């Protein structure tokens, strides 16, 4: 019912920047918290940043001051601006949204398929 499509990943040098986007589509009535998560090979998925419907944000300590999460409610899209990228930022980045489908009363979390970010010289 809900489809999430991420874009903007790629290969960049240390210190470079990327802007990820995730657009939600489907029979969506409401979207609540949206977030970005990442997973490196052999490691567990970790939260990068989240943003509530009211605009409150949270970041993991290692990305504070470098990454900025934002959202465009009219477009059902969440963004992640990544600056001063480091090799340890290399991972598959996935977006997650909590949404209520039209005609239902249940809020469910949905995942995108992910976009690869590689930071290397």
N, C-alpha and C. Protein backbone atom coordinates (compact mmCIF):
# COMPACT_ATOMS: atom_id res chain seq x y z
N UNK A 1 0.82 -1.22 0.00
CA UNK A 1 0.00 0.00 0.00
C UNK A 1 0.85 1.26 0.00
N UNK A 2 1.98 1.23 0.72
CA UNK A 2 2.89 2.36 0.78
C UNK A 2 4.21 1.97 0.14
N UNK A 3 4.69 2.80 -0.75
CA UNK A 3 5.98 2.58 -1.41
C UNK A 3 6.92 3.72 -1.07
N UNK A 4 8.14 3.39 -0.71
CA UNK A 4 9.17 4.37 -0.41
C UNK A 4 10.31 4.19 -1.40
N UNK A 5 10.73 5.27 -2.03
CA UNK A 5 11.80 5.22 -3.01
C UNK A 5 12.89 6.18 -2.59
N UNK A 6 14.08 5.64 -2.27
CA UNK A 6 15.22 6.46 -1.90
C UNK A 6 16.06 6.78 -3.13
N UNK A 7 16.73 7.92 -3.09
CA UNK A 7 17.64 8.30 -4.15
C UNK A 7 18.71 9.22 -3.59
N UNK A 8 19.78 9.41 -4.34
CA UNK A 8 20.82 10.35 -3.96
C UNK A 8 22.11 9.73 -3.48
N UNK A 9 22.15 8.41 -3.32
CA UNK A 9 23.37 7.77 -2.89
C UNK A 9 24.42 7.75 -3.97
N UNK A 10 25.64 7.36 -3.59
CA UNK A 10 26.71 7.30 -4.55
C UNK A 10 28.06 7.20 -3.89
N UNK A 11 29.11 7.34 -4.69
CA UNK A 11 30.49 7.29 -4.23
C UNK A 11 31.04 8.70 -4.13
N UNK A 12 31.54 9.06 -2.95
CA UNK A 12 32.11 10.39 -2.73
C UNK A 12 33.41 10.27 -1.97
N UNK A 13 34.26 11.28 -2.09
CA UNK A 13 35.51 11.33 -1.35
C UNK A 13 35.26 11.83 0.07
N UNK A 14 36.14 11.48 1.01
CA UNK A 14 36.00 12.03 2.36
C UNK A 14 35.92 13.56 2.32
N UNK A 15 35.02 14.10 3.12
CA UNK A 15 34.80 15.54 3.13
C UNK A 15 33.74 16.00 2.17
N UNK A 16 33.26 15.11 1.31
CA UNK A 16 32.25 15.46 0.33
C UNK A 16 30.85 15.48 0.92
N UNK A 17 29.88 15.76 0.06
CA UNK A 17 28.49 15.88 0.48
C UNK A 17 27.56 15.09 -0.43
N UNK A 18 26.47 14.63 0.14
CA UNK A 18 25.39 13.98 -0.59
C UNK A 18 24.07 14.40 0.02
N UNK A 19 23.04 14.41 -0.79
CA UNK A 19 21.69 14.68 -0.30
C UNK A 19 20.79 13.52 -0.69
N UNK A 20 20.31 12.80 0.30
CA UNK A 20 19.41 11.68 0.08
C UNK A 20 17.96 12.16 0.16
N UNK A 21 17.11 11.54 -0.63
CA UNK A 21 15.69 11.83 -0.57
C UNK A 21 14.91 10.52 -0.54
N UNK A 22 13.75 10.57 0.06
CA UNK A 22 12.87 9.41 0.15
C UNK A 22 11.45 9.90 -0.03
N UNK A 23 10.81 9.47 -1.09
CA UNK A 23 9.45 9.88 -1.40
C UNK A 23 8.48 8.73 -1.13
N UNK A 24 7.44 9.02 -0.38
CA UNK A 24 6.41 8.04 -0.07
C UNK A 24 5.21 8.22 -0.99
N UNK A 25 4.66 7.11 -1.44
CA UNK A 25 3.48 7.17 -2.29
C UNK A 25 2.53 6.04 -1.92
N UNK A 26 1.29 6.17 -2.35
CA UNK A 26 0.28 5.19 -2.04
C UNK A 26 -0.96 5.85 -1.47
N UNK A 27 -1.84 5.04 -0.94
CA UNK A 27 -3.08 5.54 -0.36
C UNK A 27 -2.83 5.98 1.07
N UNK A 28 -2.09 7.06 1.21
CA UNK A 28 -1.65 7.55 2.51
C UNK A 28 -2.59 8.63 3.01
N UNK A 29 -3.07 8.44 4.22
CA UNK A 29 -3.90 9.46 4.85
C UNK A 29 -3.06 10.41 5.68
N UNK A 30 -2.13 9.86 6.47
CA UNK A 30 -1.29 10.67 7.34
C UNK A 30 0.08 10.05 7.48
N UNK A 31 1.11 10.90 7.59
CA UNK A 31 2.46 10.46 7.86
C UNK A 31 2.92 11.09 9.16
N UNK A 32 3.51 10.28 10.02
CA UNK A 32 3.96 10.76 11.31
C UNK A 32 5.50 10.86 11.31
N UNK A 33 6.16 10.15 12.18
CA UNK A 33 7.61 10.24 12.24
C UNK A 33 8.25 9.62 11.00
N UNK A 34 9.30 10.28 10.50
CA UNK A 34 10.07 9.79 9.38
C UNK A 34 11.54 9.73 9.81
N UNK A 35 12.29 8.83 9.24
CA UNK A 35 13.67 8.71 9.67
C UNK A 35 14.58 8.06 8.65
N UNK A 36 15.87 8.19 8.90
CA UNK A 36 16.91 7.55 8.11
C UNK A 36 17.70 6.60 8.98
N UNK A 37 18.00 5.43 8.43
CA UNK A 37 18.75 4.39 9.12
C UNK A 37 19.84 3.89 8.19
N UNK A 38 20.87 3.30 8.76
CA UNK A 38 21.95 2.79 7.92
C UNK A 38 22.46 1.46 8.46
N UNK A 39 23.01 0.67 7.56
CA UNK A 39 23.55 -0.63 7.92
C UNK A 39 24.78 -0.92 7.08
N UNK A 40 25.89 -1.16 7.76
CA UNK A 40 27.12 -1.56 7.11
C UNK A 40 27.19 -3.09 7.10
N UNK A 41 27.93 -3.68 6.16
CA UNK A 41 28.03 -5.14 6.10
C UNK A 41 28.50 -5.74 7.42
N UNK A 42 27.80 -6.76 7.89
CA UNK A 42 28.16 -7.44 9.12
C UNK A 42 27.79 -6.72 10.39
N UNK A 43 27.09 -5.59 10.29
CA UNK A 43 26.72 -4.83 11.47
C UNK A 43 25.21 -4.65 11.52
N UNK A 44 24.71 -4.35 12.69
CA UNK A 44 23.28 -4.11 12.86
C UNK A 44 22.89 -2.75 12.31
N UNK A 45 21.63 -2.65 11.91
CA UNK A 45 21.10 -1.38 11.44
C UNK A 45 21.03 -0.39 12.61
N UNK A 46 21.38 0.86 12.35
CA UNK A 46 21.36 1.87 13.38
C UNK A 46 20.61 3.10 12.91
N UNK A 47 20.04 3.81 13.85
CA UNK A 47 19.34 5.04 13.55
C UNK A 47 20.32 6.16 13.26
N UNK A 48 20.07 6.89 12.18
CA UNK A 48 20.88 8.05 11.84
C UNK A 48 20.20 9.32 12.33
N UNK A 49 18.95 9.52 11.93
CA UNK A 49 18.21 10.71 12.30
C UNK A 49 16.73 10.47 12.13
N UNK A 50 15.92 11.12 12.94
CA UNK A 50 14.47 11.05 12.83
C UNK A 50 13.89 12.45 12.91
N UNK A 51 12.69 12.60 12.37
CA UNK A 51 11.99 13.87 12.43
C UNK A 51 10.51 13.60 12.59
N UNK A 52 9.89 14.25 13.56
CA UNK A 52 8.47 14.06 13.82
C UNK A 52 7.64 14.92 12.88
N UNK A 53 6.34 14.70 12.91
CA UNK A 53 5.45 15.51 12.08
C UNK A 53 5.49 16.98 12.46
N UNK A 54 5.84 17.26 13.72
CA UNK A 54 5.97 18.63 14.17
C UNK A 54 7.32 19.26 13.92
N UNK A 55 8.26 18.49 13.37
CA UNK A 55 9.56 19.03 13.02
C UNK A 55 10.65 18.81 14.05
N UNK A 56 10.37 18.09 15.13
CA UNK A 56 11.40 17.79 16.11
C UNK A 56 12.36 16.75 15.56
N UNK A 57 13.66 16.97 15.74
CA UNK A 57 14.67 16.09 15.17
C UNK A 57 15.54 15.46 16.24
N UNK A 58 16.07 14.29 15.92
CA UNK A 58 17.05 13.60 16.74
C UNK A 58 18.12 13.03 15.84
N UNK A 59 19.37 13.11 16.28
CA UNK A 59 20.51 12.61 15.54
C UNK A 59 21.39 11.76 16.45
N UNK A 60 22.01 10.74 15.87
CA UNK A 60 23.00 10.02 16.63
C UNK A 60 24.22 10.92 16.77
N UNK A 61 24.97 10.75 17.83
CA UNK A 61 26.06 11.67 18.15
C UNK A 61 27.09 11.80 17.03
N UNK A 62 27.38 10.71 16.34
CA UNK A 62 28.45 10.71 15.36
C UNK A 62 28.14 11.55 14.12
N UNK A 63 26.88 11.94 13.92
CA UNK A 63 26.53 12.73 12.73
C UNK A 63 26.08 14.14 13.08
N UNK A 64 25.98 14.46 14.35
CA UNK A 64 25.55 15.79 14.76
C UNK A 64 26.51 16.85 14.21
N UNK A 65 25.94 17.90 13.66
CA UNK A 65 26.73 18.97 13.08
C UNK A 65 27.13 18.73 11.65
N UNK A 66 26.95 17.50 11.16
CA UNK A 66 27.30 17.16 9.79
C UNK A 66 26.08 16.83 8.93
N UNK A 67 25.10 16.17 9.52
CA UNK A 67 23.90 15.74 8.80
C UNK A 67 22.71 16.58 9.23
N UNK A 68 21.78 16.80 8.31
CA UNK A 68 20.54 17.51 8.60
C UNK A 68 19.37 16.77 7.98
N UNK A 69 18.39 16.43 8.79
CA UNK A 69 17.18 15.78 8.29
C UNK A 69 16.09 16.84 8.16
N UNK A 70 15.30 16.73 7.11
CA UNK A 70 14.20 17.66 6.88
C UNK A 70 13.09 16.92 6.15
N UNK A 71 11.93 17.55 6.07
CA UNK A 71 10.80 16.91 5.39
C UNK A 71 9.96 17.94 4.68
N UNK A 72 9.30 17.50 3.63
CA UNK A 72 8.36 18.31 2.88
C UNK A 72 7.03 17.57 2.95
N UNK A 73 6.17 18.00 3.83
CA UNK A 73 4.92 17.29 4.05
C UNK A 73 4.01 17.28 2.82
N UNK A 74 4.05 18.35 2.04
CA UNK A 74 3.23 18.41 0.84
C UNK A 74 3.64 17.37 -0.19
N UNK A 75 4.91 16.99 -0.16
CA UNK A 75 5.43 16.00 -1.12
C UNK A 75 5.63 14.63 -0.50
N UNK A 76 5.29 14.47 0.77
CA UNK A 76 5.50 13.20 1.48
C UNK A 76 6.94 12.71 1.31
N UNK A 77 7.87 13.63 1.49
CA UNK A 77 9.27 13.33 1.25
C UNK A 77 10.13 13.73 2.44
N UNK A 78 11.11 12.90 2.76
CA UNK A 78 12.09 13.19 3.80
C UNK A 78 13.46 13.24 3.15
N UNK A 79 14.30 14.15 3.62
CA UNK A 79 15.63 14.36 3.07
C UNK A 79 16.69 14.17 4.14
N UNK A 80 17.89 13.84 3.71
CA UNK A 80 19.04 13.80 4.60
C UNK A 80 20.20 14.47 3.88
N UNK A 81 20.56 15.66 4.33
CA UNK A 81 21.73 16.36 3.80
C UNK A 81 22.94 15.90 4.59
N UNK A 82 23.93 15.34 3.91
CA UNK A 82 25.12 14.80 4.55
C UNK A 82 26.33 15.58 4.08
N UNK A 83 26.98 16.27 5.01
CA UNK A 83 28.18 17.04 4.73
C UNK A 83 29.36 16.46 5.49
N UNK A 84 30.56 16.83 5.08
CA UNK A 84 31.79 16.37 5.74
C UNK A 84 31.79 14.86 5.93
N UNK A 85 31.48 14.15 4.88
CA UNK A 85 31.35 12.70 4.97
C UNK A 85 32.68 12.03 5.31
N UNK A 86 32.58 10.97 6.09
CA UNK A 86 33.73 10.21 6.54
C UNK A 86 33.62 8.77 6.06
N UNK A 87 34.74 8.06 5.94
CA UNK A 87 34.67 6.65 5.53
C UNK A 87 33.74 5.82 6.40
N UNK A 88 33.66 6.11 7.68
CA UNK A 88 32.80 5.34 8.57
C UNK A 88 31.31 5.59 8.33
N UNK A 89 30.97 6.55 7.46
CA UNK A 89 29.59 6.76 7.07
C UNK A 89 29.15 5.79 5.98
N UNK A 90 30.07 5.03 5.43
CA UNK A 90 29.75 4.09 4.37
C UNK A 90 28.75 3.05 4.86
N UNK A 91 27.63 2.93 4.15
CA UNK A 91 26.56 2.01 4.54
C UNK A 91 25.44 2.09 3.52
N UNK A 92 24.49 1.18 3.66
CA UNK A 92 23.24 1.28 2.93
C UNK A 92 22.28 2.09 3.78
N UNK A 93 21.78 3.17 3.22
CA UNK A 93 20.88 4.06 3.95
C UNK A 93 19.44 3.79 3.52
N UNK A 94 18.57 3.58 4.50
CA UNK A 94 17.17 3.30 4.24
C UNK A 94 16.30 4.30 4.97
N UNK A 95 15.18 4.64 4.37
CA UNK A 95 14.23 5.52 5.04
C UNK A 95 13.10 4.70 5.63
N UNK A 96 12.48 5.25 6.64
CA UNK A 96 11.35 4.63 7.32
C UNK A 96 10.31 5.70 7.61
N UNK A 97 9.05 5.37 7.37
CA UNK A 97 7.98 6.29 7.69
C UNK A 97 6.88 5.55 8.43
N UNK A 98 6.29 6.23 9.40
CA UNK A 98 5.11 5.73 10.07
C UNK A 98 3.91 6.43 9.44
N UNK A 99 3.01 5.63 8.87
CA UNK A 99 1.90 6.20 8.12
C UNK A 99 0.61 5.47 8.42
N UNK A 100 -0.48 6.18 8.20
CA UNK A 100 -1.80 5.59 8.31
C UNK A 100 -2.41 5.54 6.92
N UNK A 101 -2.81 4.37 6.49
CA UNK A 101 -3.41 4.19 5.18
C UNK A 101 -4.84 4.69 5.20
N UNK A 102 -5.25 5.29 4.11
CA UNK A 102 -6.62 5.79 3.98
C UNK A 102 -7.63 4.68 4.27
N UNK A 103 -8.57 4.98 5.14
CA UNK A 103 -9.60 4.02 5.49
C UNK A 103 -9.26 3.11 6.65
N UNK A 104 -8.08 3.28 7.24
CA UNK A 104 -7.66 2.48 8.38
C UNK A 104 -7.38 3.39 9.57
N UNK A 105 -7.26 2.78 10.74
CA UNK A 105 -6.95 3.52 11.95
C UNK A 105 -5.63 3.10 12.57
N UNK A 106 -4.87 2.27 11.88
CA UNK A 106 -3.62 1.73 12.40
C UNK A 106 -2.43 2.42 11.76
N UNK A 107 -1.49 2.85 12.59
CA UNK A 107 -0.25 3.46 12.11
C UNK A 107 0.81 2.37 12.00
N UNK A 108 1.41 2.24 10.83
CA UNK A 108 2.36 1.18 10.55
C UNK A 108 3.65 1.77 9.99
N UNK A 109 4.78 1.17 10.37
CA UNK A 109 6.05 1.59 9.84
C UNK A 109 6.36 0.91 8.52
N UNK A 110 6.88 1.68 7.56
CA UNK A 110 7.22 1.16 6.24
C UNK A 110 8.67 1.47 5.93
N UNK A 111 9.32 0.57 5.20
CA UNK A 111 10.72 0.69 4.86
C UNK A 111 10.95 0.82 3.37
N UNK A 112 11.91 1.63 3.00
CA UNK A 112 12.38 1.67 1.63
C UNK A 112 13.42 0.59 1.41
N UNK A 113 13.84 0.40 0.18
CA UNK A 113 14.80 -0.64 -0.16
C UNK A 113 16.25 -0.23 0.05
N UNK A 114 16.51 1.05 0.18
CA UNK A 114 17.84 1.51 0.52
C UNK A 114 18.62 2.06 -0.65
N UNK A 115 19.58 2.93 -0.34
CA UNK A 115 20.49 3.48 -1.32
C UNK A 115 21.90 3.43 -0.74
N UNK A 116 22.87 3.05 -1.56
CA UNK A 116 24.23 2.85 -1.10
C UNK A 116 25.00 4.16 -1.05
N UNK A 117 25.67 4.39 0.07
CA UNK A 117 26.57 5.53 0.24
C UNK A 117 27.96 4.97 0.53
N UNK A 118 28.91 5.32 -0.32
CA UNK A 118 30.29 4.88 -0.14
C UNK A 118 31.20 6.09 -0.08
N UNK A 119 31.97 6.21 0.99
CA UNK A 119 32.89 7.32 1.19
C UNK A 119 34.31 6.76 1.16
N UNK A 120 35.05 7.08 0.12
CA UNK A 120 36.38 6.50 -0.05
C UNK A 120 37.22 7.38 -0.96
N UNK A 121 38.54 7.39 -0.69
CA UNK A 121 39.46 8.15 -1.53
C UNK A 121 39.78 7.39 -2.80
